[in-house]
Amino acid sequence: MFTLWHFIVSVILGLVQGISEWLPVSSKTQVLLASSYLLHLTYSQAYTFGLFMEIGTVFAAIVYFRKEIWSLIRVILLRGTEHEKKLFVYVLLATVMTGIIGAPLYLFADSLKAIPLYLPMIIIGIVLIADAFFIRHSRRRQREGYNTRKFENLGLKDYIIIGIMQGIAALPGVSRSGITTSTMFLMKIEPDEAFRLSFLIGIFASVAAFGLTVIVSHQNVSAALAGIGLAGIAVAIVVSAIFSIFFIDFLIKIAGRSRIVYLVAALGILAIASGIMLAFVPAWAAAAS
């Protein structure tokens, strides 16, 4: 029976996923913590559920990047432009590298009963703060005639590096958006371009993660379903999709402005604070069963 409590829990889980997916705090880790507490799931079950919940943000990203998705389809239909072909190669190569690196890491993490979650978040936070100074320095040099990189300036080596870093995000505590955007900032890619490129390939990584949880860890998914039911899962997915569209638009728009420096620094502080909080709360840091 779907009760008011089930509805509240579903909304909370949807909000956690929809907001944290686009922030450098690892959405799967936040859903892991929330579902461990609200649904009384074990570490392995909650970790799997965190990846399963990414399907809501996938729907949002597909809606937001519908033009880019159509460009990829045009290439498959042999009707794409040179730019669309380059985008297709980027998405394909980055996704393949993500799978090669991410799938084994997922299977490893899924086999554990507990794992420290705080250290990756603190490291990403430090990198983001360093990125903020780097972006500020780059913007100043850009005004002096120094050019940062756009998508057109990237090559196969860049695609591979981005894909590898996204694959590492399969580990609990590692934020997909945080690690990929940080990497692209260090590669001197314009912030708005970095967010857009990161979010775009995130669609395919999330679809793969969702499929992997259903195929490999369906028992863990069933445990979450038993907690809130199919109706609850549907509510959580809808809520996460709605909030995701808002956050994607907000981050990409502000990334093209001078305030991006303060946003990146704030995201870094948020990641560090989250990591420190996890480190000092043993039950959360271990996510123990």
C-alpha atoms as a PDB file:
ATOM      1  CA  MET A   1       0.000   0.000   0.000  1.00  0.00           C
ATOM      2  CA  PHE A   2       1.348   3.413  -1.031  1.00  0.00           C
ATOM      3  CA  THR A   3       1.006   5.635   2.031  1.00  0.00           C
ATOM      4  CA  LEU A   4       1.732   9.309   2.719  1.00  0.00           C
ATOM      5  CA  TRP A   5       5.031   8.266   4.276  1.00  0.00           C
ATOM      6  CA  HIS A   6       6.004   6.437   1.097  1.00  0.00           C
ATOM      7  CA  PHE A   7       5.168   9.580  -0.890  1.00  0.00           C
ATOM      8  CA  ILE A   8       7.289  11.793   1.383  1.00  0.00           C
ATOM      9  CA  VAL A   9      10.233   9.392   1.189  1.00  0.00           C
ATOM     10  CA  SER A  10       9.913   9.230  -2.598  1.00  0.00           C
ATOM     11  CA  VAL A  11       9.914  13.022  -2.907  1.00  0.00           C
ATOM     12  CA  ILE A  12      12.954  13.316  -0.634  1.00  0.00           C
ATOM     13  CA  LEU A  13      14.894  10.736  -2.646  1.00  0.00           C
ATOM     14  CA  GLY A  14      13.888  12.472  -5.887  1.00  0.00           C
ATOM     15  CA  LEU A  15      15.037  15.836  -4.570  1.00  0.00           C
ATOM     16  CA  VAL A  16      18.352  14.402  -3.394  1.00  0.00           C
ATOM     17  CA  GLN A  17      18.991  12.821  -6.791  1.00  0.00           C
ATOM     18  CA  GLY A  18      17.743  15.748  -8.877  1.00  0.00           C
ATOM     19  CA  ILE A  19      19.862  18.314  -7.071  1.00  0.00           C
ATOM     20  CA  SER A  20      23.029  16.397  -6.219  1.00  0.00           C
ATOM     21  CA  GLU A  21      23.464  14.847  -9.686  1.00  0.00           C
ATOM     22  CA  TRP A  22      24.737  18.158 -11.037  1.00  0.00           C
ATOM     23  CA  LEU A  23      26.772  19.181  -7.987  1.00  0.00           C
ATOM     24  CA  PRO A  24      30.233  17.835  -7.043  1.00  0.00           C
ATOM     25  CA  VAL A  25      28.907  15.861  -4.074  1.00  0.00           C
ATOM     26  CA  SER A  26      28.255  12.500  -5.771  1.00  0.00           C
ATOM     27  CA  SER A  27      24.538  11.936  -6.234  1.00  0.00           C
ATOM     28  CA  LYS A  28      24.850   8.178  -5.807  1.00  0.00           C
ATOM     29  CA  THR A  29      26.526   8.756  -2.443  1.00  0.00           C
ATOM     30  CA  GLN A  30      23.800  11.156  -1.297  1.00  0.00           C
ATOM     31  CA  VAL A  31      21.074   8.734  -2.405  1.00  0.00           C
ATOM     32  CA  LEU A  32      23.050   5.937  -0.736  1.00  0.00           C
ATOM     33  CA  LEU A  33      23.017   7.807   2.567  1.00  0.00           C
ATOM     34  CA  ALA A  34      19.373   8.878   2.278  1.00  0.00           C
ATOM     35  CA  SER A  35      18.080   5.454   1.257  1.00  0.00           C
ATOM     36  CA  SER A  36      20.171   3.722   3.952  1.00  0.00           C
ATOM     37  CA  TYR A  37      18.423   5.854   6.551  1.00  0.00           C
ATOM     38  CA  LEU A  38      14.917   6.118   5.087  1.00  0.00           C
ATOM     39  CA  LEU A  39      14.571   2.631   3.587  1.00  0.00           C
ATOM     40  CA  HIS A  40      16.956   0.785   5.924  1.00  0.00           C
ATOM     41  CA  LEU A  41      18.966  -0.606   3.014  1.00  0.00           C
ATOM     42  CA  THR A  42      22.379  -2.210   3.376  1.00  0.00           C
ATOM     43  CA  TYR A  43      25.417  -0.505   1.875  1.00  0.00           C
ATOM     44  CA  SER A  44      25.355  -2.661  -1.263  1.00  0.00           C
ATOM     45  CA  GLN A  45      21.607  -2.196  -1.768  1.00  0.00           C
ATOM     46  CA  ALA A  46      21.790   1.573  -1.226  1.00  0.00           C
ATOM     47  CA  TYR A  47      24.806   1.928  -3.540  1.00  0.00           C
ATOM     48  CA  THR A  48      22.963   0.097  -6.303  1.00  0.00           C
ATOM     49  CA  PHE A  49      19.842   2.166  -5.683  1.00  0.00           C
ATOM     50  CA  GLY A  50      21.903   5.356  -5.977  1.00  0.00           C
ATOM     51  CA  LEU A  51      22.954   4.353  -9.486  1.00  0.00           C
ATOM     52  CA  PHE A  52      19.460   3.126 -10.349  1.00  0.00           C
ATOM     53  CA  MET A  53      17.995   6.532  -9.466  1.00  0.00           C
ATOM     54  CA  GLU A  54      20.095   8.225 -12.152  1.00  0.00           C
ATOM     55  CA  ILE A  55      17.412   7.279 -14.667  1.00  0.00           C
ATOM     56  CA  GLY A  56      15.357  10.312 -13.559  1.00  0.00           C
ATOM     57  CA  THR A  57      18.144  12.732 -14.352  1.00  0.00           C
ATOM     58  CA  VAL A  58      18.671  10.943 -17.668  1.00  0.00           C
ATOM     59  CA  PHE A  59      15.131  11.862 -18.738  1.00  0.00           C
ATOM     60  CA  ALA A  60      15.792  15.481 -17.798  1.00  0.00           C
ATOM     61  CA  ALA A  61      19.108  15.599 -19.656  1.00  0.00           C
ATOM     62  CA  ILE A  62      17.564  14.079 -22.788  1.00  0.00           C
ATOM     63  CA  VAL A  63      14.898  16.779 -22.774  1.00  0.00           C
ATOM     64  CA  TYR A  64      17.442  19.549 -22.202  1.00  0.00           C
ATOM     65  CA  PHE A  65      19.944  18.240 -24.766  1.00  0.00           C
ATOM     66  CA  ARG A  66      17.344  17.132 -27.305  1.00  0.00           C
ATOM     67  CA  LYS A  67      19.068  19.087 -30.095  1.00  0.00           C
ATOM     68  CA  GLU A  68      22.395  17.410 -29.393  1.00  0.00           C
ATOM     69  CA  ILE A  69      20.714  13.994 -29.191  1.00  0.00           C
ATOM     70  CA  TRP A  70      19.086  14.649 -32.556  1.00  0.00           C
ATOM     71  CA  SER A  71      22.506  15.588 -33.964  1.00  0.00           C
ATOM     72  CA  LEU A  72      23.844  12.204 -32.864  1.00  0.00           C
ATOM     73  CA  ILE A  73      20.904  10.457 -34.504  1.00  0.00           C
ATOM     74  CA  ARG A  74      21.560  12.400 -37.726  1.00  0.00           C
ATOM     75  CA  VAL A  75      25.112  11.025 -37.794  1.00  0.00           C
ATOM     76  CA  ILE A  76      23.809   7.470 -37.392  1.00  0.00           C
ATOM     77  CA  LEU A  77      21.466   8.148 -40.312  1.00  0.00           C
ATOM     78  CA  LEU A  78      24.502   9.387 -42.325  1.00  0.00           C
ATOM     79  CA  ARG A  79      23.132  12.920 -42.513  1.00  0.00           C
ATOM     80  CA  GLY A  80      25.331  14.675 -39.970  1.00  0.00           C
ATOM     81  CA  THR A  81      27.484  17.746 -40.476  1.00  0.00           C
ATOM     82  CA  GLU A  82      31.203  17.783 -39.658  1.00  0.00           C
ATOM     83  CA  HIS A  83      30.476  19.323 -36.268  1.00  0.00           C
ATOM     84  CA  GLU A  84      27.837  16.676 -35.534  1.00  0.00           C
ATOM     85  CA  LYS A  85      30.248  13.914 -36.562  1.00  0.00           C
ATOM     86  CA  LYS A  86      32.870  15.323 -34.200  1.00  0.00           C
ATOM     87  CA  LEU A  87      30.301  15.410 -31.402  1.00  0.00           C
ATOM     88  CA  PHE A  88      29.332  11.804 -32.148  1.00  0.00           C
ATOM     89  CA  VAL A  89      32.969  10.657 -31.943  1.00  0.00           C
ATOM     90  CA  TYR A  90      33.369  12.521 -28.638  1.00  0.00           C
ATOM     91  CA  VAL A  91      30.291  10.928 -27.096  1.00  0.00           C
ATOM     92  CA  LEU A  92      31.127   7.461 -28.428  1.00  0.00           C
ATOM     93  CA  LEU A  93      34.784   7.416 -27.387  1.00  0.00           C
ATOM     94  CA  ALA A  94      34.175   9.001 -23.978  1.00  0.00           C
ATOM     95  CA  THR A  95      31.338   6.546 -23.284  1.00  0.00           C
ATOM     96  CA  VAL A  96      33.422   3.525 -24.324  1.00  0.00           C
ATOM     97  CA  MET A  97      36.269   4.600 -22.037  1.00  0.00           C
ATOM     98  CA  THR A  98      33.785   5.205 -19.238  1.00  0.00           C
ATOM     99  CA  GLY A  99      32.490   1.653 -19.616  1.00  0.00           C
ATOM    100  CA  ILE A 100      35.972   0.111 -19.715  1.00  0.00           C
ATOM    101  CA  ILE A 101      36.998   1.885 -16.509  1.00  0.00           C
ATOM    102  CA  GLY A 102      33.634   2.173 -14.753  1.00  0.00           C
ATOM    103  CA  ALA A 103      32.165  -1.329 -15.092  1.00  0.00           C
ATOM    104  CA  PRO A 104      34.960  -3.122 -13.171  1.00  0.00           C
ATOM    105  CA  LEU A 105      34.952  -0.396 -10.512  1.00  0.00           C
ATOM    106  CA  TYR A 106      31.185  -0.768 -10.122  1.00  0.00           C
ATOM    107  CA  LEU A 107      31.443  -4.546  -9.693  1.00  0.00           C
ATOM    108  CA  PHE A 108      34.226  -4.039  -7.141  1.00  0.00           C
ATOM    109  CA  ALA A 109      32.288  -1.433  -5.151  1.00  0.00           C
ATOM    110  CA  ASP A 110      29.092  -3.497  -5.325  1.00  0.00           C
ATOM    111  CA  SER A 111      30.896  -6.443  -3.723  1.00  0.00           C
ATOM    112  CA  LEU A 112      31.929  -4.460  -0.661  1.00  0.00           C
ATOM    113  CA  LYS A 113      29.950  -4.235   2.559  1.00  0.00           C
ATOM    114  CA  ALA A 114      31.232  -0.739   3.323  1.00  0.00           C
ATOM    115  CA  ILE A 115      33.696   1.812   1.983  1.00  0.00           C
ATOM    116  CA  PRO A 116      34.963   5.223   3.159  1.00  0.00           C
ATOM    117  CA  LEU A 117      33.128   7.937   1.262  1.00  0.00           C
ATOM    118  CA  TYR A 118      34.654  11.178   2.463  1.00  0.00           C
ATOM    119  CA  LEU A 119      38.139  11.257   0.883  1.00  0.00           C
ATOM    120  CA  PRO A 120      37.120  11.463  -2.823  1.00  0.00           C
ATOM    121  CA  MET A 121      34.711  14.303  -2.043  1.00  0.00           C
ATOM    122  CA  ILE A 122      37.388  16.289  -0.206  1.00  0.00           C
ATOM    123  CA  ILE A 123      39.883  15.781  -3.042  1.00  0.00           C
ATOM    124  CA  ILE A 124      37.355  16.902  -5.666  1.00  0.00           C
ATOM    125  CA  GLY A 125      36.516  19.931  -3.511  1.00  0.00           C
ATOM    126  CA  ILE A 126      40.167  20.952  -3.352  1.00  0.00           C
ATOM    127  CA  VAL A 127      40.499  20.536  -7.114  1.00  0.00           C
ATOM    128  CA  LEU A 128      37.394  22.658  -7.721  1.00  0.00           C
ATOM    129  CA  ILE A 129      38.722  25.478  -5.555  1.00  0.00           C
ATOM    130  CA  ALA A 130      41.992  25.304  -7.484  1.00  0.00           C
ATOM    131  CA  ASP A 131      39.911  25.371 -10.670  1.00  0.00           C
ATOM    132  CA  ALA A 132      38.230  28.587  -9.533  1.00  0.00           C
ATOM    133  CA  PHE A 133      41.614  30.310  -9.270  1.00  0.00           C
ATOM    134  CA  PHE A 134      42.611  28.790 -12.607  1.00  0.00           C
ATOM    135  CA  ILE A 135      39.443  30.051 -14.316  1.00  0.00           C
ATOM    136  CA  ARG A 136      39.944  33.534 -12.883  1.00  0.00           C
ATOM    137  CA  HIS A 137      43.527  33.545 -14.123  1.00  0.00           C
ATOM    138  CA  SER A 138      42.450  32.216 -17.541  1.00  0.00           C
ATOM    139  CA  ARG A 139      39.727  34.847 -17.894  1.00  0.00           C
ATOM    140  CA  ARG A 140      42.270  37.571 -17.162  1.00  0.00           C
ATOM    141  CA  ARG A 141      44.680  36.129 -19.714  1.00  0.00           C
ATOM    142  CA  GLN A 142      41.814  35.804 -22.194  1.00  0.00           C
ATOM    143  CA  ARG A 143      41.232  39.543 -21.945  1.00  0.00           C
ATOM    144  CA  GLU A 144      44.917  39.927 -22.729  1.00  0.00           C
ATOM    145  CA  GLY A 145      44.565  37.832 -25.872  1.00  0.00           C
ATOM    146  CA  TYR A 146      45.035  34.332 -24.441  1.00  0.00           C
ATOM    147  CA  ASN A 147      42.398  31.908 -25.753  1.00  0.00           C
ATOM    148  CA  THR A 148      40.851  29.079 -23.782  1.00  0.00           C
ATOM    149  CA  ARG A 149      39.661  25.928 -25.536  1.00  0.00           C
ATOM    150  CA  LYS A 150      36.313  25.168 -27.124  1.00  0.00           C
ATOM    151  CA  PHE A 151      34.926  21.811 -28.214  1.00  0.00           C
ATOM    152  CA  GLU A 152      36.271  22.386 -31.722  1.00  0.00           C
ATOM    153  CA  ASN A 153      39.809  22.474 -30.309  1.00  0.00           C
ATOM    154  CA  LEU A 154      39.576  19.055 -28.626  1.00  0.00           C
ATOM    155  CA  GLY A 155      40.958  15.825 -30.057  1.00  0.00           C
ATOM    156  CA  LEU A 156      40.783  12.073 -29.485  1.00  0.00           C
ATOM    157  CA  LYS A 157      43.269  12.226 -26.616  1.00  0.00           C
ATOM    158  CA  ASP A 158      41.012  14.707 -24.804  1.00  0.00           C
ATOM    159  CA  TYR A 159      37.959  12.493 -25.347  1.00  0.00           C
ATOM    160  CA  ILE A 160      39.793   9.502 -23.875  1.00  0.00           C
ATOM    161  CA  ILE A 161      40.941  11.421 -20.787  1.00  0.00           C
ATOM    162  CA  ILE A 162      37.429  12.741 -20.127  1.00  0.00           C
ATOM    163  CA  GLY A 163      35.967   9.241 -20.554  1.00  0.00           C
ATOM    164  CA  ILE A 164      38.495   7.708 -18.166  1.00  0.00           C
ATOM    165  CA  MET A 165      37.764  10.306 -15.495  1.00  0.00           C
ATOM    166  CA  GLN A 166      34.027   9.755 -15.868  1.00  0.00           C
ATOM    167  CA  GLY A 167      34.592   6.013 -15.460  1.00  0.00           C
ATOM    168  CA  ILE A 168      36.343   6.591 -12.131  1.00  0.00           C
ATOM    169  CA  ALA A 169      33.100   8.202 -10.914  1.00  0.00           C
ATOM    170  CA  ALA A 170      31.595   4.693 -10.641  1.00  0.00           C
ATOM    171  CA  LEU A 171      33.250   4.553  -7.224  1.00  0.00           C
ATOM    172  CA  PRO A 172      31.141   5.677  -4.236  1.00  0.00           C
ATOM    173  CA  GLY A 173      32.032   9.161  -3.068  1.00  0.00           C
ATOM    174  CA  VAL A 174      33.284  10.287  -6.491  1.00  0.00           C
ATOM    175  CA  SER A 175      31.074  12.872  -8.193  1.00  0.00           C
ATOM    176  CA  ARG A 176      30.668  12.284 -11.945  1.00  0.00           C
ATOM    177  CA  SER A 177      29.981  15.922 -12.765  1.00  0.00           C
ATOM    178  CA  GLY A 178      32.615  17.085 -10.301  1.00  0.00           C
ATOM    179  CA  ILE A 179      35.431  14.938 -11.654  1.00  0.00           C
ATOM    180  CA  THR A 180      34.651  15.528 -15.341  1.00  0.00           C
ATOM    181  CA  THR A 181      34.191  19.305 -15.116  1.00  0.00           C
ATOM    182  CA  SER A 182      37.282  19.623 -12.920  1.00  0.00           C
ATOM    183  CA  THR A 183      39.274  17.697 -15.495  1.00  0.00           C
ATOM    184  CA  MET A 184      38.009  19.876 -18.324  1.00  0.00           C
ATOM    185  CA  PHE A 185      38.768  23.063 -16.398  1.00  0.00           C
ATOM    186  CA  LEU A 186      42.359  21.843 -16.017  1.00  0.00           C
ATOM    187  CA  MET A 187      42.375  21.127 -19.755  1.00  0.00           C
ATOM    188  CA  LYS A 188      41.649  24.862 -20.247  1.00  0.00           C
ATOM    189  CA  ILE A 189      38.166  24.239 -21.649  1.00  0.00           C
ATOM    190  CA  GLU A 190      35.731  27.142 -21.245  1.00  0.00           C
ATOM    191  CA  PRO A 191      33.500  26.620 -18.144  1.00  0.00           C
ATOM    192  CA  ASP A 192      30.159  26.728 -19.976  1.00  0.00           C
ATOM    193  CA  GLU A 193      31.548  24.317 -22.570  1.00  0.00           C
ATOM    194  CA  ALA A 194      32.879  22.047 -19.816  1.00  0.00           C
ATOM    195  CA  PHE A 195      29.509  21.825 -18.052  1.00  0.00           C
ATOM    196  CA  ARG A 196      27.674  21.168 -21.309  1.00  0.00           C
ATOM    197  CA  LEU A 197      30.106  18.485 -22.485  1.00  0.00           C
ATOM    198  CA  SER A 198      30.105  16.842 -19.062  1.00  0.00           C
ATOM    199  CA  PHE A 199      26.329  16.748 -18.755  1.00  0.00           C
ATOM    200  CA  LEU A 200      25.915  15.442 -22.303  1.00  0.00           C
ATOM    201  CA  ILE A 201      28.101  12.347 -21.898  1.00  0.00           C
ATOM    202  CA  GLY A 202      26.574  11.870 -18.458  1.00  0.00           C
ATOM    203  CA  ILE A 203      23.364  10.785 -20.197  1.00  0.00           C
ATOM    204  CA  PHE A 204      24.985   7.687 -21.651  1.00  0.00           C
ATOM    205  CA  ALA A 205      26.985   6.898 -18.522  1.00  0.00           C
ATOM    206  CA  SER A 206      23.805   7.054 -16.437  1.00  0.00           C
ATOM    207  CA  VAL A 207      21.884   4.841 -18.872  1.00  0.00           C
ATOM    208  CA  ALA A 208      24.708   2.294 -18.681  1.00  0.00           C
ATOM    209  CA  ALA A 209      24.757   2.503 -14.885  1.00  0.00           C
ATOM    210  CA  PHE A 210      20.989   1.996 -14.751  1.00  0.00           C
ATOM    211  CA  GLY A 211      21.204  -1.018 -17.057  1.00  0.00           C
ATOM    212  CA  LEU A 212      24.080  -2.508 -15.075  1.00  0.00           C
ATOM    213  CA  THR A 213      22.148  -2.291 -11.812  1.00  0.00           C
ATOM    214  CA  VAL A 214      19.103  -3.977 -13.348  1.00  0.00           C
ATOM    215  CA  ILE A 215      21.157  -6.775 -14.939  1.00  0.00           C
ATOM    216  CA  VAL A 216      23.854  -7.409 -12.348  1.00  0.00           C
ATOM    217  CA  SER A 217      22.287  -6.243  -9.077  1.00  0.00           C
ATOM    218  CA  HIS A 218      18.548  -6.688  -9.609  1.00  0.00           C
ATOM    219  CA  GLN A 219      18.179  -8.151  -6.104  1.00  0.00           C
ATOM    220  CA  ASN A 220      19.434  -4.903  -4.600  1.00  0.00           C
ATOM    221  CA  VAL A 221      17.010  -2.915  -6.763  1.00  0.00           C
ATOM    222  CA  SER A 222      14.196  -5.209  -5.614  1.00  0.00           C
ATOM    223  CA  ALA A 223      15.069  -4.396  -1.998  1.00  0.00           C
ATOM    224  CA  ALA A 224      14.551  -0.692  -2.687  1.00  0.00           C
ATOM    225  CA  LEU A 225      11.317  -1.383  -4.549  1.00  0.00           C
ATOM    226  CA  ALA A 226      10.070  -3.308  -1.553  1.00  0.00           C
ATOM    227  CA  GLY A 227      10.642  -0.215   0.563  1.00  0.00           C
ATOM    228  CA  ILE A 228       8.573   2.306  -1.414  1.00  0.00           C
ATOM    229  CA  GLY A 229       7.003   0.288  -4.232  1.00  0.00           C
ATOM    230  CA  LEU A 230       6.702   0.998  -7.946  1.00  0.00           C
ATOM    231  CA  ALA A 231       4.561   4.077  -7.313  1.00  0.00           C
ATOM    232  CA  GLY A 232       7.216   5.463  -4.994  1.00  0.00           C
ATOM    233  CA  ILE A 233       9.979   4.869  -7.527  1.00  0.00           C
ATOM    234  CA  ALA A 234       7.886   6.627 -10.182  1.00  0.00           C
ATOM    235  CA  VAL A 235       7.353   9.651  -7.927  1.00  0.00           C
ATOM    236  CA  ALA A 236      11.063   9.830  -7.085  1.00  0.00           C
ATOM    237  CA  ILE A 237      12.024   9.658 -10.771  1.00  0.00           C
ATOM    238  CA  VAL A 238       9.559  12.402 -11.772  1.00  0.00           C
ATOM    239  CA  VAL A 239      10.717  14.700  -8.959  1.00  0.00           C
ATOM    240  CA  SER A 240      14.389  14.160  -9.803  1.00  0.00           C
ATOM    241  CA  ALA A 241      13.721  14.867 -13.497  1.00  0.00           C
ATOM    242  CA  ILE A 242      11.903  18.144 -12.788  1.00  0.00           C
ATOM    243  CA  PHE A 243      14.598  19.503 -10.489  1.00  0.00           C
ATOM    244  CA  SER A 244      17.355  18.271 -12.806  1.00  0.00           C
ATOM    245  CA  ILE A 245      16.134  20.379 -15.723  1.00  0.00           C
ATOM    246  CA  PHE A 246      16.251  23.480 -13.520  1.00  0.00           C
ATOM    247  CA  PHE A 247      19.784  22.796 -12.271  1.00  0.00           C
ATOM    248  CA  ILE A 248      21.202  21.933 -15.696  1.00  0.00           C
ATOM    249  CA  ASP A 249      19.918  25.211 -17.106  1.00  0.00           C
ATOM    250  CA  PHE A 250      21.109  27.214 -14.096  1.00  0.00           C
ATOM    251  CA  LEU A 251      24.654  25.830 -14.087  1.00  0.00           C
ATOM    252  CA  ILE A 252      25.216  26.138 -17.839  1.00  0.00           C
ATOM    253  CA  LYS A 253      23.868  29.695 -17.977  1.00  0.00           C
ATOM    254  CA  ILE A 254      25.922  30.932 -15.049  1.00  0.00           C
ATOM    255  CA  ALA A 255      29.015  29.111 -16.366  1.00  0.00           C
ATOM    256  CA  GLY A 256      29.284  31.609 -19.213  1.00  0.00           C
ATOM    257  CA  ARG A 257      29.383  34.571 -16.861  1.00  0.00           C
ATOM    258  CA  SER A 258      32.074  36.017 -14.649  1.00  0.00           C
ATOM    259  CA  ARG A 259      30.275  34.669 -11.579  1.00  0.00           C
ATOM    260  CA  ILE A 260      31.292  31.130 -12.530  1.00  0.00           C
ATOM    261  CA  VAL A 261      34.481  31.660 -10.521  1.00  0.00           C
ATOM    262  CA  TYR A 262      32.449  32.097  -7.337  1.00  0.00           C
ATOM    263  CA  LEU A 263      30.145  29.200  -8.225  1.00  0.00           C
ATOM    264  CA  VAL A 264      33.034  26.779  -8.790  1.00  0.00           C
ATOM    265  CA  ALA A 265      34.683  27.894  -5.537  1.00  0.00           C
ATOM    266  CA  ALA A 266      31.373  27.471  -3.698  1.00  0.00           C
ATOM    267  CA  LEU A 267      30.922  23.987  -5.179  1.00  0.00           C
ATOM    268  CA  GLY A 268      34.424  23.111  -4.022  1.00  0.00           C
ATOM    269  CA  ILE A 269      33.670  24.297  -0.492  1.00  0.00           C
ATOM    270  CA  LEU A 270      30.412  22.324  -0.566  1.00  0.00           C
ATOM    271  CA  ALA A 271      32.233  19.156  -1.620  1.00  0.00           C
ATOM    272  CA  ILE A 272      34.862  19.576   1.111  1.00  0.00           C
ATOM    273  CA  ALA A 273      32.205  20.291   3.743  1.00  0.00           C
ATOM    274  CA  SER A 274      30.270  17.197   2.695  1.00  0.00           C
ATOM    275  CA  GLY A 275      33.408  15.093   2.866  1.00  0.00           C
ATOM    276  CA  ILE A 276      34.348  16.403   6.304  1.00  0.00           C
ATOM    277  CA  MET A 277      30.829  15.763   7.571  1.00  0.00           C
ATOM    278  CA  LEU A 278      31.024  12.178   6.338  1.00  0.00           C
ATOM    279  CA  ALA A 279      34.443  11.732   7.943  1.00  0.00           C
ATOM    280  CA  PHE A 280      33.183  12.796  11.358  1.00  0.00           C
ATOM    281  CA  VAL A 281      29.974  10.781  11.287  1.00  0.00           C
ATOM    282  CA  PRO A 282      31.123   7.147  11.330  1.00  0.00           C
ATOM    283  CA  ALA A 283      27.744   5.673  10.484  1.00  0.00           C
ATOM    284  CA  TRP A 284      27.572   7.760   7.321  1.00  0.00           C
ATOM    285  CA  ALA A 285      31.241   7.471   6.408  1.00  0.00           C
ATOM    286  CA  ALA A 286      31.108   3.692   6.482  1.00  0.00           C
ATOM    287  CA  ALA A 287      27.570   3.388   5.156  1.00  0.00           C
ATOM    288  CA  ALA A 288      27.585   0.149   7.058  1.00  0.00           C
ATOM    289  CA  SER A 289      25.007  -2.547   6.616  1.00  0.00           C
END
